[in-house]
N, C-alpha and C. Protein backbone atom coordinates (compact mmCIF):
# COMPACT_ATOMS: atom_id res chain seq x y z
N MET A 1 -10.29 13.66 -20.40
CA MET A 1 -11.06 12.74 -21.23
C MET A 1 -11.91 11.88 -20.32
N ARG A 2 -13.13 11.67 -20.67
CA ARG A 2 -14.03 10.83 -19.89
C ARG A 2 -13.85 9.38 -20.30
N GLN A 3 -14.07 8.47 -19.36
CA GLN A 3 -13.82 7.06 -19.61
C GLN A 3 -14.66 6.48 -20.71
N GLU A 4 -15.91 6.89 -20.85
CA GLU A 4 -16.76 6.24 -21.83
C GLU A 4 -16.48 6.66 -23.26
N GLU A 5 -15.54 7.57 -23.47
CA GLU A 5 -15.23 7.97 -24.83
C GLU A 5 -14.54 6.87 -25.63
N SER A 6 -14.06 5.83 -24.98
CA SER A 6 -13.35 4.72 -25.62
C SER A 6 -12.40 5.22 -26.71
N PRO A 7 -11.32 5.89 -26.28
CA PRO A 7 -10.43 6.53 -27.21
C PRO A 7 -9.84 5.57 -28.22
N SER A 8 -9.52 6.10 -29.37
CA SER A 8 -8.90 5.30 -30.42
C SER A 8 -7.41 5.51 -30.44
N ALA A 9 -6.72 4.80 -31.29
CA ALA A 9 -5.28 4.87 -31.38
C ALA A 9 -4.78 6.25 -31.85
N ALA A 10 -5.68 7.11 -32.32
CA ALA A 10 -5.28 8.44 -32.77
C ALA A 10 -5.05 9.40 -31.61
N ASN A 11 -5.31 8.97 -30.41
CA ASN A 11 -5.20 9.83 -29.22
C ASN A 11 -3.74 10.24 -28.98
N PRO A 12 -3.47 11.54 -28.89
CA PRO A 12 -2.09 12.00 -28.72
C PRO A 12 -1.58 11.90 -27.30
N SER A 13 -2.41 11.55 -26.31
CA SER A 13 -1.98 11.57 -24.91
C SER A 13 -1.54 10.22 -24.39
N TRP A 14 -1.19 9.29 -25.25
CA TRP A 14 -0.79 7.96 -24.78
C TRP A 14 0.42 8.03 -23.85
N GLY A 15 1.27 9.03 -24.01
CA GLY A 15 2.47 9.12 -23.18
C GLY A 15 2.18 9.39 -21.73
N SER A 16 0.96 9.75 -21.36
CA SER A 16 0.64 9.99 -19.96
C SER A 16 0.45 8.69 -19.17
N TYR A 17 0.42 7.57 -19.88
CA TYR A 17 0.26 6.27 -19.21
C TYR A 17 1.64 5.65 -18.94
N CYS A 18 1.76 5.01 -17.79
CA CYS A 18 3.00 4.27 -17.53
C CYS A 18 2.91 2.86 -18.07
N ALA A 19 1.73 2.46 -18.53
CA ALA A 19 1.51 1.17 -19.20
C ALA A 19 0.14 1.18 -19.86
N ILE A 20 0.03 0.51 -20.99
CA ILE A 20 -1.27 0.19 -21.58
C ILE A 20 -1.21 -1.30 -21.88
N LEU A 21 -2.09 -2.04 -21.25
CA LEU A 21 -2.08 -3.50 -21.29
C LEU A 21 -3.21 -4.06 -22.14
N ALA A 22 -2.97 -5.13 -22.81
CA ALA A 22 -3.99 -5.82 -23.58
C ALA A 22 -4.71 -6.82 -22.69
N THR A 23 -6.04 -6.81 -22.73
CA THR A 23 -6.84 -7.81 -22.04
C THR A 23 -7.91 -8.29 -23.02
N PRO A 24 -8.64 -9.35 -22.68
CA PRO A 24 -9.68 -9.83 -23.60
C PRO A 24 -10.84 -8.87 -23.82
N PHE A 25 -11.03 -7.90 -22.94
CA PHE A 25 -12.21 -7.05 -22.97
C PHE A 25 -11.93 -5.59 -23.31
N ALA A 26 -10.69 -5.15 -23.18
CA ALA A 26 -10.30 -3.75 -23.44
C ALA A 26 -8.79 -3.64 -23.26
N ARG A 27 -8.26 -2.51 -23.68
CA ARG A 27 -6.91 -2.14 -23.24
C ARG A 27 -7.08 -1.47 -21.88
N ILE A 28 -6.08 -1.61 -21.03
CA ILE A 28 -6.12 -0.98 -19.71
C ILE A 28 -4.94 -0.02 -19.61
N GLY A 29 -5.29 1.26 -19.46
CA GLY A 29 -4.26 2.30 -19.28
C GLY A 29 -4.05 2.53 -17.78
N ILE A 30 -2.78 2.60 -17.41
CA ILE A 30 -2.43 2.81 -16.00
C ILE A 30 -1.61 4.09 -15.89
N ARG A 31 -2.02 4.94 -14.94
CA ARG A 31 -1.26 6.15 -14.62
C ARG A 31 -0.85 6.08 -13.16
N ALA A 32 0.36 6.51 -12.89
CA ALA A 32 0.85 6.54 -11.52
C ALA A 32 1.45 7.92 -11.25
N GLU A 33 1.43 8.28 -9.99
CA GLU A 33 2.13 9.47 -9.51
C GLU A 33 2.91 9.05 -8.31
N GLY A 34 4.20 9.28 -8.36
CA GLY A 34 5.04 8.82 -7.28
C GLY A 34 5.00 7.33 -7.17
N GLU A 35 4.69 6.84 -6.02
CA GLU A 35 4.67 5.40 -5.76
C GLU A 35 3.25 4.85 -5.65
N ALA A 36 2.28 5.53 -6.29
CA ALA A 36 0.87 5.08 -6.20
C ALA A 36 0.18 5.18 -7.56
N ILE A 37 -0.71 4.25 -7.79
CA ILE A 37 -1.54 4.28 -8.98
C ILE A 37 -2.68 5.26 -8.73
N VAL A 38 -2.90 6.16 -9.70
CA VAL A 38 -3.98 7.15 -9.56
C VAL A 38 -5.09 6.92 -10.56
N THR A 39 -4.81 6.22 -11.66
CA THR A 39 -5.83 5.99 -12.67
C THR A 39 -5.66 4.62 -13.30
N VAL A 40 -6.78 3.91 -13.44
CA VAL A 40 -6.87 2.72 -14.28
C VAL A 40 -8.00 3.05 -15.23
N GLN A 41 -7.72 3.03 -16.52
CA GLN A 41 -8.74 3.47 -17.48
C GLN A 41 -8.93 2.40 -18.54
N TYR A 42 -10.20 2.07 -18.82
CA TYR A 42 -10.51 1.16 -19.91
C TYR A 42 -10.47 1.91 -21.24
N LEU A 43 -9.68 1.38 -22.16
CA LEU A 43 -9.49 2.01 -23.46
C LEU A 43 -9.95 1.08 -24.56
N ALA A 44 -10.17 1.62 -25.73
CA ALA A 44 -10.57 0.82 -26.88
C ALA A 44 -9.48 -0.17 -27.25
N MET A 45 -9.89 -1.25 -27.90
CA MET A 45 -8.97 -2.31 -28.28
C MET A 45 -7.91 -1.85 -29.27
N ASP A 46 -8.14 -0.74 -29.96
CA ASP A 46 -7.13 -0.25 -30.89
C ASP A 46 -6.11 0.69 -30.26
N ALA A 47 -6.22 0.91 -28.94
CA ALA A 47 -5.19 1.71 -28.27
C ALA A 47 -3.87 0.96 -28.34
N PRO A 48 -2.77 1.69 -28.49
CA PRO A 48 -1.46 1.01 -28.59
C PRO A 48 -1.06 0.44 -27.26
N ARG A 49 -0.38 -0.67 -27.28
CA ARG A 49 0.20 -1.24 -26.06
C ARG A 49 1.43 -0.41 -25.69
N ILE A 50 1.59 -0.22 -24.39
CA ILE A 50 2.80 0.42 -23.87
C ILE A 50 3.31 -0.49 -22.76
N ALA A 51 4.53 -0.97 -22.91
CA ALA A 51 5.13 -1.84 -21.92
C ALA A 51 5.25 -1.10 -20.59
N PRO A 52 5.07 -1.79 -19.47
CA PRO A 52 5.19 -1.11 -18.17
C PRO A 52 6.53 -0.40 -18.05
N ALA A 53 6.49 0.86 -17.64
CA ALA A 53 7.65 1.73 -17.66
C ALA A 53 8.47 1.73 -16.38
N ASP A 54 7.94 1.18 -15.30
CA ASP A 54 8.66 1.21 -14.02
C ASP A 54 8.21 0.05 -13.15
N PRO A 55 8.84 -0.15 -12.00
CA PRO A 55 8.48 -1.29 -11.14
C PRO A 55 7.00 -1.32 -10.73
N LEU A 56 6.42 -0.15 -10.42
CA LEU A 56 5.01 -0.13 -10.02
C LEU A 56 4.11 -0.56 -11.18
N ALA A 57 4.38 -0.06 -12.38
CA ALA A 57 3.59 -0.46 -13.55
C ALA A 57 3.77 -1.94 -13.83
N ARG A 58 4.97 -2.48 -13.67
CA ARG A 58 5.18 -3.91 -13.87
C ARG A 58 4.42 -4.73 -12.85
N GLU A 59 4.39 -4.26 -11.61
CA GLU A 59 3.61 -4.97 -10.57
C GLU A 59 2.12 -4.89 -10.87
N ALA A 60 1.63 -3.74 -11.30
CA ALA A 60 0.22 -3.63 -11.68
C ALA A 60 -0.09 -4.58 -12.82
N ALA A 61 0.76 -4.64 -13.84
CA ALA A 61 0.56 -5.55 -14.95
C ALA A 61 0.54 -7.00 -14.49
N ALA A 62 1.44 -7.35 -13.59
CA ALA A 62 1.49 -8.72 -13.08
C ALA A 62 0.22 -9.06 -12.31
N GLN A 63 -0.28 -8.11 -11.53
CA GLN A 63 -1.49 -8.40 -10.76
C GLN A 63 -2.74 -8.44 -11.65
N ILE A 64 -2.78 -7.62 -12.69
CA ILE A 64 -3.90 -7.71 -13.62
C ILE A 64 -3.86 -9.05 -14.34
N ASP A 65 -2.67 -9.50 -14.72
CA ASP A 65 -2.53 -10.82 -15.33
C ASP A 65 -2.97 -11.91 -14.37
N ALA A 66 -2.61 -11.78 -13.09
CA ALA A 66 -3.05 -12.76 -12.08
C ALA A 66 -4.56 -12.79 -11.98
N TYR A 67 -5.22 -11.63 -12.01
CA TYR A 67 -6.69 -11.56 -11.98
C TYR A 67 -7.28 -12.23 -13.21
N LEU A 68 -6.67 -12.02 -14.37
CA LEU A 68 -7.21 -12.64 -15.58
C LEU A 68 -7.11 -14.16 -15.53
N ARG A 69 -6.08 -14.68 -14.89
CA ARG A 69 -5.91 -16.12 -14.71
C ARG A 69 -6.84 -16.66 -13.61
N ASP A 70 -7.02 -15.89 -12.57
CA ASP A 70 -7.80 -16.30 -11.40
C ASP A 70 -8.65 -15.13 -10.90
N PRO A 71 -9.95 -15.14 -11.17
CA PRO A 71 -10.80 -14.01 -10.79
C PRO A 71 -10.90 -13.79 -9.27
N LYS A 72 -10.40 -14.71 -8.48
CA LYS A 72 -10.39 -14.53 -7.00
C LYS A 72 -9.17 -13.74 -6.54
N HIS A 73 -8.28 -13.41 -7.47
CA HIS A 73 -7.08 -12.64 -7.11
C HIS A 73 -7.49 -11.35 -6.41
N VAL A 74 -6.83 -11.01 -5.31
CA VAL A 74 -7.07 -9.78 -4.59
C VAL A 74 -5.93 -8.82 -4.91
N PHE A 75 -6.28 -7.66 -5.42
CA PHE A 75 -5.26 -6.67 -5.78
C PHE A 75 -4.65 -6.07 -4.51
N ARG A 76 -3.34 -6.01 -4.52
CA ARG A 76 -2.57 -5.38 -3.44
C ARG A 76 -1.58 -4.43 -4.09
N LEU A 77 -2.09 -3.26 -4.41
CA LEU A 77 -1.30 -2.24 -5.07
C LEU A 77 -1.45 -0.92 -4.32
N PRO A 78 -0.40 -0.13 -4.25
CA PRO A 78 -0.54 1.19 -3.63
C PRO A 78 -1.32 2.10 -4.58
N CYS A 79 -2.41 2.62 -4.09
CA CYS A 79 -3.29 3.47 -4.91
C CYS A 79 -3.58 4.77 -4.18
N ALA A 80 -3.77 5.83 -4.95
CA ALA A 80 -4.13 7.13 -4.38
C ALA A 80 -5.22 7.76 -5.25
N PRO A 81 -6.42 7.15 -5.21
CA PRO A 81 -7.51 7.74 -6.01
C PRO A 81 -7.95 9.08 -5.42
N ARG A 82 -8.22 10.02 -6.30
CA ARG A 82 -8.68 11.33 -5.85
C ARG A 82 -10.21 11.35 -5.86
N GLY A 83 -10.79 11.82 -4.78
CA GLY A 83 -12.24 11.90 -4.73
C GLY A 83 -12.70 12.57 -3.46
N THR A 84 -13.98 12.84 -3.41
CA THR A 84 -14.59 13.47 -2.23
C THR A 84 -14.66 12.44 -1.09
N PRO A 85 -14.88 12.89 0.12
CA PRO A 85 -15.05 11.93 1.21
C PRO A 85 -16.18 10.92 0.93
N HIS A 86 -17.28 11.36 0.35
CA HIS A 86 -18.37 10.43 0.04
C HIS A 86 -17.91 9.40 -1.00
N GLN A 87 -17.26 9.86 -2.04
CA GLN A 87 -16.76 8.93 -3.06
C GLN A 87 -15.82 7.91 -2.45
N ARG A 88 -14.93 8.34 -1.59
CA ARG A 88 -13.98 7.42 -0.96
C ARG A 88 -14.70 6.37 -0.08
N ARG A 89 -15.76 6.79 0.61
CA ARG A 89 -16.53 5.83 1.40
C ARG A 89 -17.17 4.78 0.49
N VAL A 90 -17.73 5.26 -0.62
CA VAL A 90 -18.34 4.31 -1.57
C VAL A 90 -17.29 3.39 -2.16
N TRP A 91 -16.15 3.92 -2.54
CA TRP A 91 -15.08 3.08 -3.12
C TRP A 91 -14.57 2.06 -2.11
N ASP A 92 -14.46 2.45 -0.84
CA ASP A 92 -14.07 1.50 0.21
C ASP A 92 -15.10 0.39 0.32
N ALA A 93 -16.38 0.73 0.26
CA ALA A 93 -17.43 -0.30 0.34
C ALA A 93 -17.40 -1.21 -0.87
N ILE A 94 -17.13 -0.67 -2.04
CA ILE A 94 -17.04 -1.48 -3.27
C ILE A 94 -15.85 -2.42 -3.16
N ALA A 95 -14.72 -1.92 -2.65
CA ALA A 95 -13.52 -2.74 -2.54
C ALA A 95 -13.74 -3.95 -1.63
N ALA A 96 -14.73 -3.88 -0.75
CA ALA A 96 -15.02 -4.99 0.16
C ALA A 96 -15.93 -6.06 -0.47
N ILE A 97 -16.47 -5.81 -1.66
CA ILE A 97 -17.32 -6.82 -2.31
C ILE A 97 -16.42 -7.91 -2.89
N PRO A 98 -16.62 -9.15 -2.48
CA PRO A 98 -15.73 -10.21 -2.95
C PRO A 98 -16.00 -10.58 -4.41
N SER A 99 -14.98 -11.12 -5.05
CA SER A 99 -15.11 -11.60 -6.43
C SER A 99 -16.23 -12.64 -6.50
N GLY A 100 -17.04 -12.52 -7.52
CA GLY A 100 -18.16 -13.45 -7.72
C GLY A 100 -19.44 -12.99 -7.06
N ALA A 101 -19.37 -11.91 -6.28
CA ALA A 101 -20.55 -11.37 -5.62
C ALA A 101 -20.90 -10.02 -6.22
N THR A 102 -22.13 -9.61 -6.02
CA THR A 102 -22.56 -8.28 -6.45
C THR A 102 -23.35 -7.64 -5.32
N ARG A 103 -23.47 -6.34 -5.37
CA ARG A 103 -24.33 -5.58 -4.48
C ARG A 103 -25.08 -4.60 -5.36
N THR A 104 -26.28 -4.22 -4.91
CA THR A 104 -27.02 -3.22 -5.67
C THR A 104 -26.64 -1.83 -5.17
N TYR A 105 -26.95 -0.85 -6.03
CA TYR A 105 -26.72 0.53 -5.64
C TYR A 105 -27.49 0.83 -4.35
N GLY A 106 -28.71 0.31 -4.26
CA GLY A 106 -29.54 0.53 -3.07
C GLY A 106 -28.95 -0.10 -1.82
N GLU A 107 -28.41 -1.31 -1.94
CA GLU A 107 -27.78 -1.95 -0.78
C GLU A 107 -26.62 -1.15 -0.27
N LEU A 108 -25.77 -0.69 -1.17
CA LEU A 108 -24.64 0.13 -0.74
C LEU A 108 -25.12 1.45 -0.15
N ALA A 109 -26.13 2.05 -0.75
CA ALA A 109 -26.66 3.32 -0.24
C ALA A 109 -27.19 3.15 1.19
N ARG A 110 -27.94 2.08 1.44
CA ARG A 110 -28.45 1.86 2.80
C ARG A 110 -27.31 1.65 3.78
N ALA A 111 -26.31 0.88 3.40
CA ALA A 111 -25.18 0.60 4.30
C ALA A 111 -24.39 1.88 4.60
N LEU A 112 -24.37 2.81 3.65
CA LEU A 112 -23.57 4.03 3.82
C LEU A 112 -24.40 5.24 4.28
N GLY A 113 -25.73 5.06 4.42
CA GLY A 113 -26.59 6.18 4.77
C GLY A 113 -26.61 7.23 3.66
N SER A 114 -26.66 6.77 2.44
CA SER A 114 -26.64 7.63 1.26
C SER A 114 -27.84 7.29 0.39
N GLY A 115 -27.84 7.79 -0.83
CA GLY A 115 -28.88 7.50 -1.80
C GLY A 115 -28.32 6.70 -2.97
N PRO A 116 -29.13 5.87 -3.61
CA PRO A 116 -28.66 5.05 -4.75
C PRO A 116 -28.04 5.89 -5.88
N ARG A 117 -28.61 7.04 -6.16
CA ARG A 117 -28.04 7.89 -7.26
C ARG A 117 -26.65 8.41 -6.88
N ALA A 118 -26.49 8.78 -5.60
CA ALA A 118 -25.18 9.26 -5.16
C ALA A 118 -24.14 8.15 -5.21
N VAL A 119 -24.57 6.93 -4.84
CA VAL A 119 -23.68 5.77 -4.93
C VAL A 119 -23.34 5.51 -6.39
N GLY A 120 -24.33 5.57 -7.28
CA GLY A 120 -24.09 5.38 -8.70
C GLY A 120 -23.11 6.42 -9.26
N ALA A 121 -23.27 7.66 -8.82
CA ALA A 121 -22.36 8.70 -9.29
C ALA A 121 -20.93 8.43 -8.81
N ALA A 122 -20.80 7.99 -7.59
CA ALA A 122 -19.46 7.67 -7.06
C ALA A 122 -18.86 6.47 -7.80
N CYS A 123 -19.70 5.47 -8.09
CA CYS A 123 -19.23 4.31 -8.86
C CYS A 123 -18.71 4.76 -10.20
N GLY A 124 -19.46 5.59 -10.89
CA GLY A 124 -19.05 6.05 -12.22
C GLY A 124 -17.81 6.91 -12.22
N SER A 125 -17.51 7.52 -11.08
CA SER A 125 -16.32 8.38 -10.97
C SER A 125 -15.10 7.64 -10.41
N ASN A 126 -15.23 6.36 -10.20
CA ASN A 126 -14.13 5.56 -9.66
C ASN A 126 -12.91 5.66 -10.60
N PRO A 127 -11.81 6.22 -10.12
CA PRO A 127 -10.65 6.38 -11.03
C PRO A 127 -9.78 5.13 -11.16
N ILE A 128 -10.06 4.11 -10.37
CA ILE A 128 -9.25 2.90 -10.46
C ILE A 128 -10.13 1.64 -10.55
N PRO A 129 -10.98 1.59 -11.59
CA PRO A 129 -11.82 0.39 -11.74
C PRO A 129 -10.94 -0.84 -11.93
N LEU A 130 -11.49 -1.97 -11.68
CA LEU A 130 -10.85 -3.27 -11.60
C LEU A 130 -10.18 -3.41 -10.25
N ILE A 131 -9.33 -2.47 -9.84
CA ILE A 131 -8.72 -2.53 -8.51
C ILE A 131 -9.81 -2.28 -7.46
N VAL A 132 -10.61 -1.23 -7.66
CA VAL A 132 -11.85 -1.02 -6.89
C VAL A 132 -12.96 -1.47 -7.85
N PRO A 133 -13.47 -2.68 -7.64
CA PRO A 133 -14.29 -3.39 -8.63
C PRO A 133 -15.73 -2.88 -8.75
N CYS A 134 -15.90 -1.69 -9.30
CA CYS A 134 -17.24 -1.09 -9.40
C CYS A 134 -18.15 -1.89 -10.34
N HIS A 135 -17.57 -2.79 -11.15
CA HIS A 135 -18.42 -3.64 -12.00
C HIS A 135 -19.28 -4.57 -11.16
N ARG A 136 -18.97 -4.75 -9.88
CA ARG A 136 -19.73 -5.63 -9.00
C ARG A 136 -20.96 -4.93 -8.41
N VAL A 137 -21.19 -3.69 -8.78
CA VAL A 137 -22.38 -2.96 -8.33
C VAL A 137 -23.38 -2.96 -9.48
N VAL A 138 -24.58 -3.46 -9.18
CA VAL A 138 -25.61 -3.63 -10.22
C VAL A 138 -26.92 -2.96 -9.77
N ALA A 139 -27.83 -2.86 -10.69
CA ALA A 139 -29.14 -2.27 -10.39
C ALA A 139 -30.01 -3.30 -9.67
N ALA A 140 -31.09 -2.84 -9.12
CA ALA A 140 -32.03 -3.74 -8.44
C ALA A 140 -32.51 -4.80 -9.41
N GLY A 141 -32.78 -5.99 -8.90
CA GLY A 141 -33.23 -7.08 -9.74
C GLY A 141 -32.12 -7.73 -10.55
N GLY A 142 -30.87 -7.40 -10.24
CA GLY A 142 -29.74 -8.02 -10.93
C GLY A 142 -29.42 -7.42 -12.29
N GLN A 143 -30.17 -6.39 -12.71
CA GLN A 143 -29.84 -5.77 -13.98
C GLN A 143 -28.50 -5.05 -13.88
N LEU A 144 -27.81 -4.93 -15.01
CA LEU A 144 -26.49 -4.36 -15.01
C LEU A 144 -26.43 -2.93 -14.45
N GLY A 145 -27.41 -2.12 -14.78
CA GLY A 145 -27.30 -0.71 -14.46
C GLY A 145 -26.34 -0.05 -15.45
N GLY A 146 -25.63 0.96 -15.00
CA GLY A 146 -24.66 1.62 -15.86
C GLY A 146 -23.25 1.19 -15.51
N PHE A 147 -22.30 1.80 -16.21
CA PHE A 147 -20.90 1.53 -15.94
C PHE A 147 -20.09 2.67 -16.53
N MET A 148 -19.24 3.27 -15.74
CA MET A 148 -18.40 4.39 -16.16
C MET A 148 -19.25 5.56 -16.65
N HIS A 149 -20.32 5.86 -15.94
CA HIS A 149 -21.24 6.95 -16.28
C HIS A 149 -21.89 6.73 -17.64
N SER A 150 -22.10 5.51 -18.02
CA SER A 150 -22.65 5.23 -19.35
C SER A 150 -23.51 3.96 -19.34
N ARG A 151 -24.34 3.85 -20.36
CA ARG A 151 -25.12 2.64 -20.58
C ARG A 151 -24.92 2.17 -22.02
N THR A 152 -23.80 2.54 -22.61
CA THR A 152 -23.52 2.18 -24.00
C THR A 152 -22.78 0.84 -24.07
N ASP A 153 -22.65 0.32 -25.28
CA ASP A 153 -22.09 -1.03 -25.48
C ASP A 153 -20.67 -1.19 -24.96
N PHE A 154 -19.80 -0.22 -25.20
CA PHE A 154 -18.40 -0.38 -24.80
C PHE A 154 -18.28 -0.63 -23.29
N PRO A 155 -18.75 0.27 -22.42
CA PRO A 155 -18.58 0.01 -20.99
C PRO A 155 -19.41 -1.17 -20.49
N LEU A 156 -20.62 -1.32 -20.97
CA LEU A 156 -21.45 -2.43 -20.48
C LEU A 156 -20.87 -3.77 -20.94
N GLY A 157 -20.24 -3.81 -22.09
CA GLY A 157 -19.56 -5.03 -22.52
C GLY A 157 -18.42 -5.41 -21.59
N ILE A 158 -17.69 -4.42 -21.11
CA ILE A 158 -16.63 -4.68 -20.13
C ILE A 158 -17.23 -5.23 -18.85
N LYS A 159 -18.29 -4.59 -18.36
CA LYS A 159 -18.95 -5.01 -17.13
C LYS A 159 -19.45 -6.45 -17.26
N ARG A 160 -20.09 -6.77 -18.38
CA ARG A 160 -20.58 -8.14 -18.60
C ARG A 160 -19.41 -9.13 -18.59
N TRP A 161 -18.33 -8.80 -19.27
CA TRP A 161 -17.18 -9.70 -19.33
C TRP A 161 -16.62 -9.94 -17.91
N LEU A 162 -16.43 -8.88 -17.17
CA LEU A 162 -15.86 -9.02 -15.83
C LEU A 162 -16.76 -9.87 -14.91
N LEU A 163 -18.05 -9.61 -14.96
CA LEU A 163 -18.98 -10.39 -14.11
C LEU A 163 -19.01 -11.86 -14.53
N ALA A 164 -18.98 -12.12 -15.81
CA ALA A 164 -18.95 -13.53 -16.28
C ALA A 164 -17.63 -14.18 -15.88
N HIS A 165 -16.54 -13.45 -15.99
CA HIS A 165 -15.21 -13.97 -15.60
C HIS A 165 -15.23 -14.38 -14.12
N GLU A 166 -15.84 -13.55 -13.28
CA GLU A 166 -15.86 -13.81 -11.84
C GLU A 166 -16.88 -14.88 -11.46
N ALA A 167 -17.81 -15.17 -12.34
CA ALA A 167 -18.83 -16.19 -12.05
C ALA A 167 -18.34 -17.59 -12.32
N ARG A 168 -17.20 -17.72 -12.96
CA ARG A 168 -16.71 -19.07 -13.33
C ARG A 168 -16.08 -19.78 -12.16
């Protein structure tokens, strides 16, 4: 399932999450494998809540709650995102953007010796958004750009909320 589909509560695959958390902007589904988080997915507000199923999910929930209280919170969670070497380089660069700051696709591309479209594609494929804060990457001139391979209301609303939260 692609992230921008904003699944509804009718989705039969809820059991694949070790937690689904309520936030002001979306439900957040968390998947882990072994001792590492592999997916953080933004879900529609009608997705069912699932209490954290294990210590790692409880720690992820606690850190997301800490971020919601304080946007300067730095996530310290074991993660194992799957991606190409280029995607991993982009995700590492995104992870270095501090809360309250943004970078453009072009700025990241220049720093990585890549192209803005390739950076945008890697941003959209980020399997652990929020932890790797791809919402902090914007288009030239401060415009939002896309989010989660989309320019529709659901993902862009999340991006707007997160940027406003970090600007306070």
